[in-house]
């Protein structure tokens, strides 16, 4: 065999998830809403991207709305 051979044994380990507080979650949802997404869709998308329960993103939006 001429040339170079590469064997991949395993992929890179997943990066440690970044912790997002309620204010950051609410801001991520708000950015999507400003782009035209409905709130429910924005919450679901943010939660899916970050690997969080939708409830956690929803609670963050409610807390931000009520100034908590």
PDB file of N, CA and C in Angstrom:
ATOM      1  N   UNK A   1       0.854  -1.169   0.000  1.00  0.00           N
ATOM      2  CA  UNK A   1       0.000   0.000   0.000  1.00  0.00           C
ATOM      3  C   UNK A   1       0.896   1.226   0.000  1.00  0.00           C
ATOM      4  N   UNK A   2       0.602   2.099  -0.889  1.00  0.00           N
ATOM      5  CA  UNK A   2       1.374   3.339  -0.960  1.00  0.00           C
ATOM      6  C   UNK A   2       0.542   4.478  -0.397  1.00  0.00           C
ATOM      7  N   UNK A   3       1.184   5.406   0.227  1.00  0.00           N
ATOM      8  CA  UNK A   3       0.474   6.580   0.722  1.00  0.00           C
ATOM      9  C   UNK A   3       0.255   6.530   2.222  1.00  0.00           C
ATOM     10  N   UNK A   4      -0.776   7.165   2.603  1.00  0.00           N
ATOM     11  CA  UNK A   4      -1.048   7.345   4.025  1.00  0.00           C
ATOM     12  C   UNK A   4      -2.346   6.650   4.405  1.00  0.00           C
ATOM     13  N   UNK A   5      -2.367   6.052   5.581  1.00  0.00           N
ATOM     14  CA  UNK A   5      -3.569   5.381   6.071  1.00  0.00           C
ATOM     15  C   UNK A   5      -3.930   5.991   7.418  1.00  0.00           C
ATOM     16  N   UNK A   6      -5.208   6.266   7.604  1.00  0.00           N
ATOM     17  CA  UNK A   6      -5.686   6.829   8.868  1.00  0.00           C
ATOM     18  C   UNK A   6      -6.741   5.911   9.444  1.00  0.00           C
ATOM     19  N   UNK A   7      -6.585   5.572  10.708  1.00  0.00           N
ATOM     20  CA  UNK A   7      -7.580   4.750  11.398  1.00  0.00           C
ATOM     21  C   UNK A   7      -8.180   5.580  12.532  1.00  0.00           C
ATOM     22  N   UNK A   8      -9.483   5.716  12.514  1.00  0.00           N
ATOM     23  CA  UNK A   8     -10.172   6.452  13.570  1.00  0.00           C
ATOM     24  C   UNK A   8     -10.712   5.436  14.563  1.00  0.00           C
ATOM     25  N   UNK A   9     -10.239   5.510  15.798  1.00  0.00           N
ATOM     26  CA  UNK A   9     -10.642   4.556  16.818  1.00  0.00           C
ATOM     27  C   UNK A   9     -11.894   5.039  17.534  1.00  0.00           C
ATOM     28  N   UNK A  10     -11.944   6.331  17.848  1.00  0.00           N
ATOM     29  CA  UNK A  10     -13.109   6.915  18.520  1.00  0.00           C
ATOM     30  C   UNK A  10     -13.120   8.409  18.255  1.00  0.00           C
ATOM     31  N   UNK A  11     -14.307   8.987  18.323  1.00  0.00           N
ATOM     32  CA  UNK A  11     -14.435  10.422  18.140  1.00  0.00           C
ATOM     33  C   UNK A  11     -13.995  11.174  19.385  1.00  0.00           C
ATOM     34  N   UNK A  12     -13.954  12.459  19.265  1.00  0.00           N
ATOM     35  CA  UNK A  12     -13.587  13.303  20.406  1.00  0.00           C
ATOM     36  C   UNK A  12     -14.673  13.223  21.471  1.00  0.00           C
ATOM     37  N   UNK A  13     -14.286  13.326  22.723  1.00  0.00           N
ATOM     38  CA  UNK A  13     -15.304  13.306  23.782  1.00  0.00           C
ATOM     39  C   UNK A  13     -16.177  14.553  23.690  1.00  0.00           C
ATOM     40  N   UNK A  14     -17.437  14.455  24.059  1.00  0.00           N
ATOM     41  CA  UNK A  14     -18.305  15.628  23.979  1.00  0.00           C
ATOM     42  C   UNK A  14     -17.829  16.710  24.936  1.00  0.00           C
ATOM     43  N   UNK A  15     -17.995  17.938  24.499  1.00  0.00           N
ATOM     44  CA  UNK A  15     -17.605  19.069  25.344  1.00  0.00           C
ATOM     45  C   UNK A  15     -18.540  19.148  26.545  1.00  0.00           C
ATOM     46  N   UNK A  16     -18.015  19.627  27.628  1.00  0.00           N
ATOM     47  CA  UNK A  16     -18.842  19.785  28.826  1.00  0.00           C
ATOM     48  C   UNK A  16     -19.920  20.824  28.535  1.00  0.00           C
ATOM     49  N   UNK A  17     -21.162  20.550  28.906  1.00  0.00           N
ATOM     50  CA  UNK A  17     -22.229  21.502  28.614  1.00  0.00           C
ATOM     51  C   UNK A  17     -22.028  22.796  29.397  1.00  0.00           C
ATOM     52  N   UNK A  18     -22.307  23.900  28.731  1.00  0.00           N
ATOM     53  CA  UNK A  18     -22.195  25.203  29.378  1.00  0.00           C
ATOM     54  C   UNK A  18     -23.442  25.421  30.222  1.00  0.00           C
ATOM     55  N   UNK A  19     -23.246  25.952  31.400  1.00  0.00           N
ATOM     56  CA  UNK A  19     -24.373  26.224  32.288  1.00  0.00           C
ATOM     57  C   UNK A  19     -25.007  27.559  31.908  1.00  0.00           C
ATOM     58  N   UNK A  20     -26.299  27.572  31.749  1.00  0.00           N
ATOM     59  CA  UNK A  20     -27.037  28.789  31.437  1.00  0.00           C
ATOM     60  C   UNK A  20     -27.972  29.093  32.588  1.00  0.00           C
ATOM     61  N   UNK A  21     -27.945  30.325  33.037  1.00  0.00           N
ATOM     62  CA  UNK A  21     -28.863  30.761  34.078  1.00  0.00           C
ATOM     63  C   UNK A  21     -30.186  31.173  33.460  1.00  0.00           C
ATOM     64  N   UNK A  22     -31.182  31.438  34.283  1.00  0.00           N
ATOM     65  CA  UNK A  22     -32.497  31.836  33.773  1.00  0.00           C
ATOM     66  C   UNK A  22     -32.449  33.066  32.870  1.00  0.00           C
ATOM     67  N   UNK A  23     -31.627  34.045  33.217  1.00  0.00           N
ATOM     68  CA  UNK A  23     -31.550  35.261  32.401  1.00  0.00           C
ATOM     69  C   UNK A  23     -31.008  34.952  31.007  1.00  0.00           C
ATOM     70  N   UNK A  24     -29.990  34.093  30.928  1.00  0.00           N
ATOM     71  CA  UNK A  24     -29.423  33.742  29.628  1.00  0.00           C
ATOM     72  C   UNK A  24     -30.411  32.927  28.798  1.00  0.00           C
ATOM     73  N   UNK A  25     -31.115  32.012  29.445  1.00  0.00           N
ATOM     74  CA  UNK A  25     -32.119  31.222  28.721  1.00  0.00           C
ATOM     75  C   UNK A  25     -33.208  32.131  28.168  1.00  0.00           C
ATOM     76  N   UNK A  26     -33.688  33.053  28.994  1.00  0.00           N
ATOM     77  CA  UNK A  26     -34.734  33.977  28.551  1.00  0.00           C
ATOM     78  C   UNK A  26     -34.240  34.825  27.386  1.00  0.00           C
ATOM     79  N   UNK A  27     -32.986  35.230  27.428  1.00  0.00           N
ATOM     80  CA  UNK A  27     -32.421  36.044  26.345  1.00  0.00           C
ATOM     81  C   UNK A  27     -32.333  35.238  25.048  1.00  0.00           C
ATOM     82  N   UNK A  28     -31.919  33.981  25.138  1.00  0.00           N
ATOM     83  CA  UNK A  28     -31.852  33.137  23.942  1.00  0.00           C
ATOM     84  C   UNK A  28     -33.237  32.958  23.318  1.00  0.00           C
ATOM     85  N   UNK A  29     -34.248  32.800  24.160  1.00  0.00           N
ATOM     86  CA  UNK A  29     -35.622  32.673  23.662  1.00  0.00           C
ATOM     87  C   UNK A  29     -36.058  33.992  23.030  1.00  0.00           C
ATOM     88  N   UNK A  30     -35.741  35.115  23.679  1.00  0.00           N
ATOM     89  CA  UNK A  30     -36.134  36.429  23.168  1.00  0.00           C
ATOM     90  C   UNK A  30     -35.526  36.701  21.793  1.00  0.00           C
ATOM     91  N   UNK A  31     -34.289  36.294  21.595  1.00  0.00           N
ATOM     92  CA  UNK A  31     -33.635  36.493  20.295  1.00  0.00           C
ATOM     93  C   UNK A  31     -34.401  35.747  19.205  1.00  0.00           C
ATOM     94  N   UNK A  32     -34.824  34.538  19.493  1.00  0.00           N
ATOM     95  CA  UNK A  32     -35.584  33.755  18.511  1.00  0.00           C
ATOM     96  C   UNK A  32     -36.957  34.373  18.259  1.00  0.00           C
ATOM     97  N   UNK A  33     -37.571  34.891  19.311  1.00  0.00           N
ATOM     98  CA  UNK A  33     -38.872  35.537  19.146  1.00  0.00           C
ATOM     99  C   UNK A  33     -38.747  36.772  18.259  1.00  0.00           C
ATOM    100  N   UNK A  34     -37.690  37.546  18.461  1.00  0.00           N
ATOM    101  CA  UNK A  34     -37.461  38.734  17.640  1.00  0.00           C
ATOM    102  C   UNK A  34     -37.234  38.366  16.181  1.00  0.00           C
ATOM    103  N   UNK A  35     -36.739  37.162  15.945  1.00  0.00           N
ATOM    104  CA  UNK A  35     -36.507  36.686  14.583  1.00  0.00           C
ATOM    105  C   UNK A  35     -37.787  36.143  13.944  1.00  0.00           C
ATOM    106  N   UNK A  36     -38.892  36.140  14.718  1.00  0.00           N
ATOM    107  CA  UNK A  36     -40.167  35.731  14.145  1.00  0.00           C
ATOM    108  C   UNK A  36     -40.720  34.407  14.626  1.00  0.00           C
ATOM    109  N   UNK A  37     -39.999  33.707  15.473  1.00  0.00           N
ATOM    110  CA  UNK A  37     -40.515  32.432  15.988  1.00  0.00           C
ATOM    111  C   UNK A  37     -41.570  32.682  17.054  1.00  0.00           C
ATOM    112  N   UNK A  38     -42.542  31.792  17.134  1.00  0.00           N
ATOM    113  CA  UNK A  38     -43.515  31.852  18.222  1.00  0.00           C
ATOM    114  C   UNK A  38     -42.805  31.452  19.509  1.00  0.00           C
ATOM    115  N   UNK A  39     -43.296  31.963  20.627  1.00  0.00           N
ATOM    116  CA  UNK A  39     -42.636  31.710  21.916  1.00  0.00           C
ATOM    117  C   UNK A  39     -42.507  30.216  22.199  1.00  0.00           C
ATOM    118  N   UNK A  40     -43.570  29.469  21.965  1.00  0.00           N
ATOM    119  CA  UNK A  40     -43.546  28.027  22.240  1.00  0.00           C
ATOM    120  C   UNK A  40     -42.461  27.336  21.417  1.00  0.00           C
ATOM    121  N   UNK A  41     -42.354  27.712  20.142  1.00  0.00           N
ATOM    122  CA  UNK A  41     -41.339  27.120  19.271  1.00  0.00           C
ATOM    123  C   UNK A  41     -39.935  27.539  19.705  1.00  0.00           C
ATOM    124  N   UNK A  42     -39.791  28.800  20.104  1.00  0.00           N
ATOM    125  CA  UNK A  42     -38.487  29.306  20.536  1.00  0.00           C
ATOM    126  C   UNK A  42     -38.016  28.584  21.796  1.00  0.00           C
ATOM    127  N   UNK A  43     -38.934  28.391  22.734  1.00  0.00           N
ATOM    128  CA  UNK A  43     -38.590  27.684  23.977  1.00  0.00           C
ATOM    129  C   UNK A  43     -38.166  26.252  23.666  1.00  0.00           C
ATOM    130  N   UNK A  44     -38.922  25.582  22.814  1.00  0.00           N
ATOM    131  CA  UNK A  44     -38.598  24.194  22.458  1.00  0.00           C
ATOM    132  C   UNK A  44     -37.249  24.108  21.751  1.00  0.00           C
ATOM    133  N   UNK A  45     -36.976  25.053  20.850  1.00  0.00           N
ATOM    134  CA  UNK A  45     -35.719  25.030  20.104  1.00  0.00           C
ATOM    135  C   UNK A  45     -34.521  25.280  21.015  1.00  0.00           C
ATOM    136  N   UNK A  46     -34.637  26.266  21.898  1.00  0.00           N
ATOM    137  CA  UNK A  46     -33.541  26.572  22.825  1.00  0.00           C
ATOM    138  C   UNK A  46     -33.285  25.375  23.739  1.00  0.00           C
ATOM    139  N   UNK A  47     -34.346  24.795  24.253  1.00  0.00           N
ATOM    140  CA  UNK A  47     -34.196  23.636  25.138  1.00  0.00           C
ATOM    141  C   UNK A  47     -33.518  22.477  24.405  1.00  0.00           C
ATOM    142  N   UNK A  48     -33.929  22.223  23.168  1.00  0.00           N
ATOM    143  CA  UNK A  48     -33.342  21.127  22.395  1.00  0.00           C
ATOM    144  C   UNK A  48     -31.862  21.382  22.108  1.00  0.00           C
ATOM    145  N   UNK A  49     -31.521  22.615  21.736  1.00  0.00           N
ATOM    146  CA  UNK A  49     -30.127  22.942  21.427  1.00  0.00           C
ATOM    147  C   UNK A  49     -29.217  22.761  22.635  1.00  0.00           C
ATOM    148  N   UNK A  50     -29.740  23.079  23.812  1.00  0.00           N
ATOM    149  CA  UNK A  50     -28.919  23.028  25.020  1.00  0.00           C
ATOM    150  C   UNK A  50     -29.064  21.722  25.790  1.00  0.00           C
ATOM    151  N   UNK A  51     -29.955  20.850  25.320  1.00  0.00           N
ATOM    152  CA  UNK A  51     -30.157  19.576  25.999  1.00  0.00           C
ATOM    153  C   UNK A  51     -30.833  19.728  27.349  1.00  0.00           C
ATOM    154  N   UNK A  52     -31.731  20.697  27.440  1.00  0.00           N
ATOM    155  CA  UNK A  52     -32.453  20.965  28.686  1.00  0.00           C
ATOM    156  C   UNK A  52     -33.915  20.572  28.543  1.00  0.00           C
ATOM    157  N   UNK A  53     -34.589  20.341  29.648  1.00  0.00           N
ATOM    158  CA  UNK A  53     -36.037  20.133  29.575  1.00  0.00           C
ATOM    159  C   UNK A  53     -36.715  21.438  29.142  1.00  0.00           C
ATOM    160  N   UNK A  54     -37.761  21.322  28.337  1.00  0.00           N
ATOM    161  CA  UNK A  54     -38.488  22.519  27.903  1.00  0.00           C
ATOM    162  C   UNK A  54     -38.997  23.309  29.097  1.00  0.00           C
ATOM    163  N   UNK A  55     -39.349  22.611  30.150  1.00  0.00           N
ATOM    164  CA  UNK A  55     -39.890  23.260  31.342  1.00  0.00           C
ATOM    165  C   UNK A  55     -38.892  24.252  31.933  1.00  0.00           C
ATOM    166  N   UNK A  56     -37.617  23.899  31.896  1.00  0.00           N
ATOM    167  CA  UNK A  56     -36.589  24.786  32.452  1.00  0.00           C
ATOM    168  C   UNK A  56     -36.505  26.091  31.653  1.00  0.00           C
ATOM    169  N   UNK A  57     -36.555  25.988  30.329  1.00  0.00           N
ATOM    170  CA  UNK A  57     -36.528  27.186  29.487  1.00  0.00           C
ATOM    171  C   UNK A  57     -37.802  28.003  29.683  1.00  0.00           C
ATOM    172  N   UNK A  58     -38.944  27.333  29.775  1.00  0.00           N
ATOM    173  CA  UNK A  58     -40.219  28.021  29.993  1.00  0.00           C
ATOM    174  C   UNK A  58     -40.202  28.777  31.317  1.00  0.00           C
ATOM    175  N   UNK A  59     -39.749  28.119  32.373  1.00  0.00           N
ATOM    176  CA  UNK A  59     -39.685  28.762  33.691  1.00  0.00           C
ATOM    177  C   UNK A  59     -38.783  29.992  33.661  1.00  0.00           C
ATOM    178  N   UNK A  60     -37.691  29.927  32.905  1.00  0.00           N
ATOM    179  CA  UNK A  60     -36.785  31.069  32.796  1.00  0.00           C
ATOM    180  C   UNK A  60     -37.468  32.246  32.110  1.00  0.00           C
ATOM    181  N   UNK A  61     -38.249  31.968  31.072  1.00  0.00           N
ATOM    182  CA  UNK A  61     -38.965  33.030  30.359  1.00  0.00           C
ATOM    183  C   UNK A  61     -40.008  33.661  31.271  1.00  0.00           C
ATOM    184  N   UNK A  62     -40.744  32.846  32.004  1.00  0.00           N
ATOM    185  CA  UNK A  62     -41.764  33.361  32.926  1.00  0.00           C
ATOM    186  C   UNK A  62     -41.109  34.209  34.014  1.00  0.00           C
ATOM    187  N   UNK A  63     -39.993  33.740  34.558  1.00  0.00           N
ATOM    188  CA  UNK A  63     -39.296  34.487  35.610  1.00  0.00           C
ATOM    189  C   UNK A  63     -38.808  35.835  35.084  1.00  0.00           C
ATOM    190  N   UNK A  64     -38.289  35.855  33.861  1.00  0.00           N
ATOM    191  CA  UNK A  64     -37.801  37.104  33.278  1.00  0.00           C
ATOM    192  C   UNK A  64     -38.955  38.074  33.031  1.00  0.00           C
ATOM    193  N   UNK A  65     -40.088  37.539  32.617  1.00  0.00           N
ATOM    194  CA  UNK A  65     -41.259  38.378  32.342  1.00  0.00           C
ATOM    195  C   UNK A  65     -41.765  39.041  33.620  1.00  0.00           C
ATOM    196  N   UNK A  66     -41.704  38.331  34.725  1.00  0.00           N
ATOM    197  CA  UNK A  66     -42.203  38.843  35.997  1.00  0.00           C
ATOM    198  C   UNK A  66     -41.109  39.530  36.808  1.00  0.00           C
ATOM    199  N   UNK A  67     -39.933  39.676  36.217  1.00  0.00           N
ATOM    200  CA  UNK A  67     -38.849  40.388  36.877  1.00  0.00           C
ATOM    201  C   UNK A  67     -38.220  39.667  38.041  1.00  0.00           C
ATOM    202  N   UNK A  68     -38.356  38.353  38.073  1.00  0.00           N
ATOM    203  CA  UNK A  68     -37.782  37.583  39.195  1.00  0.00           C
ATOM    204  C   UNK A  68     -36.362  37.198  38.912  1.00  0.00           C
TER     205      UNK A  68
END
